[in-house]
N, C-alpha and C. Protein backbone atom coordinates (compact mmCIF):
# COMPACT_ATOMS: atom_id res chain seq x y z
N ALA A 1 0.83 -1.19 -0.02
CA ALA A 1 -0.01 -0.04 -0.02
C ALA A 1 0.90 1.27 0.00
N ARG A 2 0.43 2.23 -0.78
CA ARG A 2 1.20 3.53 -0.76
C ARG A 2 0.87 4.34 0.42
N TYR A 3 -0.41 4.30 0.93
CA TYR A 3 -0.85 5.14 2.12
C TYR A 3 -1.59 4.28 3.11
N VAL A 4 -1.41 4.62 4.33
CA VAL A 4 -2.28 4.11 5.45
C VAL A 4 -3.07 5.30 5.92
N ALA A 5 -4.40 5.10 5.97
CA ALA A 5 -5.25 6.21 6.25
C ALA A 5 -5.93 6.05 7.50
N PRO A 6 -5.34 6.47 8.67
CA PRO A 6 -6.09 6.46 9.90
C PRO A 6 -7.13 7.61 10.00
N TYR A 7 -8.35 7.20 10.45
CA TYR A 7 -9.41 8.23 10.63
C TYR A 7 -9.31 8.75 12.09
N VAL A 8 -8.76 9.83 12.27
CA VAL A 8 -8.42 10.36 13.61
C VAL A 8 -9.66 10.54 14.44
N ASN A 9 -10.56 11.38 13.97
CA ASN A 9 -11.72 11.70 14.73
C ASN A 9 -12.61 10.50 14.97
N ARG A 10 -12.76 9.65 14.06
CA ARG A 10 -13.50 8.41 14.19
C ARG A 10 -13.02 7.58 15.29
N MET A 11 -11.64 7.48 15.39
CA MET A 11 -11.05 6.73 16.61
C MET A 11 -11.39 7.44 17.87
N ASP A 12 -11.21 8.74 17.84
CA ASP A 12 -11.57 9.48 19.09
C ASP A 12 -13.00 9.25 19.53
N ASN A 13 -13.93 9.17 18.56
CA ASN A 13 -15.34 8.91 18.84
C ASN A 13 -15.50 7.52 19.64
N TYR A 14 -14.56 6.60 19.35
CA TYR A 14 -14.58 5.30 20.00
C TYR A 14 -13.71 5.23 21.22
N GLY A 15 -13.24 6.40 21.75
CA GLY A 15 -12.43 6.41 22.92
C GLY A 15 -10.94 6.03 22.69
N ILE A 16 -10.55 6.13 21.45
CA ILE A 16 -9.12 5.82 21.05
C ILE A 16 -8.47 7.13 20.70
N ASP A 17 -7.26 7.39 21.15
CA ASP A 17 -6.54 8.66 20.79
C ASP A 17 -6.07 8.57 19.38
N GLY A 18 -6.82 9.14 18.48
CA GLY A 18 -6.56 9.05 17.03
C GLY A 18 -5.18 9.71 16.64
N VAL A 19 -4.88 10.79 17.26
CA VAL A 19 -3.61 11.49 16.93
C VAL A 19 -2.47 10.60 17.40
N ARG A 20 -2.62 10.02 18.57
CA ARG A 20 -1.53 9.07 18.98
C ARG A 20 -1.33 7.86 18.08
N VAL A 21 -2.53 7.28 17.69
CA VAL A 21 -2.41 6.12 16.83
C VAL A 21 -1.79 6.50 15.45
N ALA A 22 -2.19 7.62 14.86
CA ALA A 22 -1.63 8.10 13.56
C ALA A 22 -0.25 8.38 13.71
N SER A 23 0.26 8.93 14.78
CA SER A 23 1.64 9.20 15.03
C SER A 23 2.46 7.93 15.20
N GLU A 24 1.92 6.93 15.88
CA GLU A 24 2.55 5.66 16.03
C GLU A 24 2.73 4.98 14.73
N ILE A 25 1.67 5.00 13.88
CA ILE A 25 1.76 4.34 12.58
C ILE A 25 2.83 5.07 11.72
N HIS A 26 2.92 6.38 11.82
CA HIS A 26 3.90 7.13 11.05
C HIS A 26 5.31 6.69 11.56
N ARG A 27 5.55 6.60 12.84
CA ARG A 27 6.87 6.25 13.42
C ARG A 27 7.24 4.85 12.96
N THR A 28 6.25 3.90 12.97
CA THR A 28 6.52 2.49 12.62
C THR A 28 6.92 2.41 11.13
N LEU A 29 6.22 3.14 10.30
CA LEU A 29 6.54 3.16 8.90
C LEU A 29 7.98 3.68 8.66
N ARG A 30 8.32 4.69 9.40
CA ARG A 30 9.68 5.30 9.26
C ARG A 30 10.78 4.41 9.84
N THR A 31 10.46 3.85 10.98
CA THR A 31 11.42 2.97 11.71
C THR A 31 11.84 1.81 10.82
N TYR A 32 10.87 1.18 10.18
CA TYR A 32 11.12 0.05 9.31
C TYR A 32 11.41 0.34 7.85
N ASP A 33 11.57 1.63 7.57
CA ASP A 33 11.83 2.18 6.22
C ASP A 33 10.80 1.63 5.21
N LEU A 34 9.59 1.56 5.56
CA LEU A 34 8.55 1.13 4.66
C LEU A 34 8.17 2.21 3.72
N LYS A 35 7.83 1.88 2.52
CA LYS A 35 7.57 2.90 1.46
C LYS A 35 6.15 3.55 1.58
N ALA A 36 5.39 3.12 2.51
CA ALA A 36 4.00 3.71 2.62
C ALA A 36 4.19 4.96 3.57
N ASP A 37 3.23 5.86 3.39
CA ASP A 37 3.07 7.03 4.19
C ASP A 37 1.69 7.12 4.89
N VAL A 38 1.61 7.88 5.84
CA VAL A 38 0.30 8.17 6.54
C VAL A 38 -0.46 9.19 5.76
N LEU A 39 -1.72 8.95 5.48
CA LEU A 39 -2.65 9.97 4.92
C LEU A 39 -3.73 10.11 5.95
N ALA A 40 -3.56 10.92 6.95
CA ALA A 40 -4.47 11.08 8.07
C ALA A 40 -5.79 11.70 7.56
N ALA A 41 -6.89 11.30 8.09
CA ALA A 41 -8.19 11.78 7.68
C ALA A 41 -9.05 11.98 8.94
N SER A 42 -10.24 12.55 8.70
CA SER A 42 -11.33 12.69 9.70
C SER A 42 -10.82 13.53 10.89
N PHE A 43 -10.81 14.83 10.69
CA PHE A 43 -10.42 15.73 11.82
C PHE A 43 -11.58 16.54 12.34
N LYS A 44 -11.61 16.74 13.62
CA LYS A 44 -12.64 17.69 14.15
C LYS A 44 -12.15 19.05 14.40
N ASN A 45 -10.80 19.19 14.46
CA ASN A 45 -10.23 20.54 14.63
C ASN A 45 -8.87 20.64 14.06
N SER A 46 -8.35 21.84 13.97
CA SER A 46 -7.07 22.12 13.36
C SER A 46 -5.91 21.66 14.31
N GLU A 47 -6.13 21.62 15.61
CA GLU A 47 -5.06 21.18 16.54
C GLU A 47 -4.65 19.80 16.21
N GLN A 48 -5.60 18.92 15.92
CA GLN A 48 -5.30 17.53 15.54
C GLN A 48 -4.32 17.56 14.37
N VAL A 49 -4.62 18.27 13.37
CA VAL A 49 -3.79 18.44 12.18
C VAL A 49 -2.39 18.90 12.54
N LEU A 50 -2.35 19.95 13.36
CA LEU A 50 -1.03 20.54 13.74
C LEU A 50 -0.15 19.53 14.51
N GLU A 51 -0.79 18.81 15.34
CA GLU A 51 -0.03 17.82 16.22
C GLU A 51 0.56 16.75 15.30
N LEU A 52 -0.15 16.33 14.29
CA LEU A 52 0.36 15.26 13.44
C LEU A 52 1.44 15.85 12.56
N VAL A 53 1.36 17.10 12.12
CA VAL A 53 2.34 17.72 11.34
C VAL A 53 3.71 17.84 12.22
N ARG A 54 3.51 18.19 13.46
CA ARG A 54 4.63 18.22 14.45
C ARG A 54 5.30 16.82 14.51
N GLN A 55 4.56 15.85 14.42
CA GLN A 55 5.11 14.47 14.51
C GLN A 55 5.73 13.94 13.18
N GLY A 56 5.55 14.82 12.16
CA GLY A 56 6.21 14.45 10.87
C GLY A 56 5.16 13.89 9.77
N VAL A 57 3.91 13.78 10.10
CA VAL A 57 2.97 13.34 9.10
C VAL A 57 2.81 14.46 8.14
N GLY A 58 2.97 14.19 6.88
CA GLY A 58 2.93 15.20 5.83
C GLY A 58 1.75 15.15 4.94
N ALA A 59 0.84 14.23 5.07
CA ALA A 59 -0.30 14.09 4.13
C ALA A 59 -1.57 14.00 4.98
N ILE A 60 -2.56 14.86 4.70
CA ILE A 60 -3.87 14.80 5.43
C ILE A 60 -4.97 15.15 4.37
N THR A 61 -6.12 14.76 4.77
CA THR A 61 -7.30 15.20 4.05
C THR A 61 -8.21 15.69 5.16
N ALA A 62 -8.79 16.94 4.96
CA ALA A 62 -9.59 17.48 5.99
C ALA A 62 -10.69 18.38 5.40
N ALA A 63 -11.73 18.57 6.18
CA ALA A 63 -12.84 19.46 5.70
C ALA A 63 -12.26 20.94 5.54
N PRO A 64 -12.97 21.63 4.70
CA PRO A 64 -12.59 23.05 4.54
C PRO A 64 -12.52 23.96 5.82
N ASP A 65 -13.46 23.67 6.74
CA ASP A 65 -13.46 24.53 7.90
C ASP A 65 -12.23 24.20 8.76
N VAL A 66 -11.76 22.98 8.82
CA VAL A 66 -10.66 22.57 9.58
C VAL A 66 -9.39 23.20 8.97
N LEU A 67 -9.31 23.16 7.61
CA LEU A 67 -8.19 23.81 6.93
C LEU A 67 -8.13 25.30 7.12
N ALA A 68 -9.30 25.88 7.01
CA ALA A 68 -9.40 27.39 7.23
C ALA A 68 -8.91 27.75 8.62
N ALA A 69 -9.23 26.97 9.57
CA ALA A 69 -8.77 27.25 11.00
C ALA A 69 -7.24 27.19 11.16
N LEU A 70 -6.56 26.55 10.21
CA LEU A 70 -5.07 26.49 10.30
C LEU A 70 -4.47 27.85 10.06
N ILE A 71 -5.15 28.68 9.22
CA ILE A 71 -4.59 29.94 8.83
C ILE A 71 -5.33 31.11 9.59
N LYS A 72 -6.31 30.80 10.33
CA LYS A 72 -7.10 31.79 11.05
C LYS A 72 -6.23 32.44 12.12
N ASN A 73 -6.20 33.82 12.09
CA ASN A 73 -5.38 34.54 13.15
C ASN A 73 -6.13 35.85 13.35
N PRO A 74 -6.47 36.23 14.59
CA PRO A 74 -7.15 37.46 14.83
C PRO A 74 -6.33 38.66 14.35
N ALA A 75 -5.07 38.64 14.49
CA ALA A 75 -4.20 39.72 14.07
C ALA A 75 -4.20 39.87 12.59
N THR A 76 -4.18 38.79 11.86
CA THR A 76 -4.28 38.81 10.40
C THR A 76 -5.61 39.39 9.93
N ASP A 77 -6.68 38.91 10.56
CA ASP A 77 -8.06 39.34 10.25
C ASP A 77 -8.17 40.88 10.52
N ALA A 78 -7.61 41.36 11.61
CA ALA A 78 -7.60 42.80 11.87
C ALA A 78 -6.85 43.63 10.84
N ALA A 79 -5.73 43.11 10.39
CA ALA A 79 -4.92 43.75 9.39
C ALA A 79 -5.58 43.79 8.08
N ILE A 80 -6.25 42.76 7.68
CA ILE A 80 -7.03 42.67 6.45
C ILE A 80 -8.19 43.67 6.50
N ALA A 81 -8.95 43.74 7.62
CA ALA A 81 -9.99 44.70 7.78
C ALA A 81 -9.44 46.14 7.64
N ASP A 82 -8.34 46.43 8.32
CA ASP A 82 -7.73 47.76 8.25
C ASP A 82 -7.37 48.13 6.77
N GLN A 83 -6.71 47.12 6.11
CA GLN A 83 -6.33 47.36 4.70
C GLN A 83 -7.55 47.61 3.85
N ASN A 84 -8.59 46.86 4.02
CA ASN A 84 -9.82 47.05 3.14
C ASN A 84 -10.41 48.42 3.47
N ARG A 85 -10.50 48.77 4.70
CA ARG A 85 -11.06 50.11 5.17
C ARG A 85 -10.19 51.19 4.44
N ASP A 86 -8.89 51.17 4.57
CA ASP A 86 -8.00 52.20 4.05
C ASP A 86 -8.15 52.26 2.48
N PHE A 87 -8.18 51.08 1.81
CA PHE A 87 -8.39 51.10 0.37
C PHE A 87 -9.66 51.71 -0.02
N GLY A 88 -10.77 51.40 0.73
CA GLY A 88 -12.04 52.01 0.42
C GLY A 88 -12.06 53.50 0.55
N ILE A 89 -11.29 54.03 1.56
CA ILE A 89 -11.18 55.51 1.71
C ILE A 89 -10.43 56.07 0.63
N LEU A 90 -9.41 55.44 0.16
CA LEU A 90 -8.57 56.00 -0.88
C LEU A 90 -9.22 55.96 -2.27
N VAL A 91 -9.88 54.79 -2.63
CA VAL A 91 -10.38 54.69 -4.04
C VAL A 91 -11.92 54.68 -4.08
N GLY A 92 -12.62 54.59 -2.95
CA GLY A 92 -14.05 54.49 -2.99
C GLY A 92 -14.53 53.14 -2.65
N GLU A 93 -15.60 53.12 -1.86
CA GLU A 93 -16.25 51.82 -1.46
C GLU A 93 -16.57 51.02 -2.61
N ARG A 94 -16.45 49.69 -2.49
CA ARG A 94 -16.79 48.69 -3.45
C ARG A 94 -16.13 48.74 -4.79
N ARG A 95 -14.96 49.45 -4.76
CA ARG A 95 -14.11 49.52 -5.99
C ARG A 95 -12.93 48.59 -5.78
N THR A 96 -12.38 48.14 -6.94
CA THR A 96 -11.29 47.16 -6.89
C THR A 96 -10.08 47.68 -7.62
N TRP A 97 -9.01 46.95 -7.58
CA TRP A 97 -7.83 47.47 -8.34
C TRP A 97 -8.13 47.46 -9.87
N LEU A 98 -8.99 46.54 -10.30
CA LEU A 98 -9.36 46.51 -11.72
C LEU A 98 -10.15 47.73 -12.10
N ASP A 99 -10.95 48.27 -11.19
CA ASP A 99 -11.63 49.55 -11.51
C ASP A 99 -10.62 50.58 -11.71
N LEU A 100 -9.57 50.72 -10.84
CA LEU A 100 -8.53 51.64 -11.06
C LEU A 100 -7.83 51.57 -12.39
N VAL A 101 -7.52 50.39 -12.81
CA VAL A 101 -6.84 50.14 -14.12
C VAL A 101 -7.78 50.59 -15.26
N ASN A 102 -9.04 50.24 -15.10
CA ASN A 102 -9.96 50.64 -16.19
C ASN A 102 -10.29 52.11 -16.32
N ASP A 103 -10.03 52.85 -15.15
CA ASP A 103 -10.27 54.27 -15.14
C ASP A 103 -9.23 55.03 -16.03
N LYS A 104 -8.08 54.36 -16.19
CA LYS A 104 -6.99 55.07 -16.96
C LYS A 104 -7.19 55.14 -18.38
């Protein structure tokens, strides 16, 4: 097999530590120099993904909301809101860079 796909959240639902199991599978594959990799799946939150990445797992499949949470940061959200506000003040609300190019 090229991939072993532990379902992290599904294991958690049965009282098994899915992140721990996926990490152990990854370590076993590496220890014995097997050519298979872990493709972890079924996450309930981004922290599960981050922990597996910390353990060296490099392939996951996750729902869009879990992936979005990986890059969510209140400071980034505030900076984007500030930039959008400033841009609107400079060029007008609901205008885009394309509008500026077409004005020329």
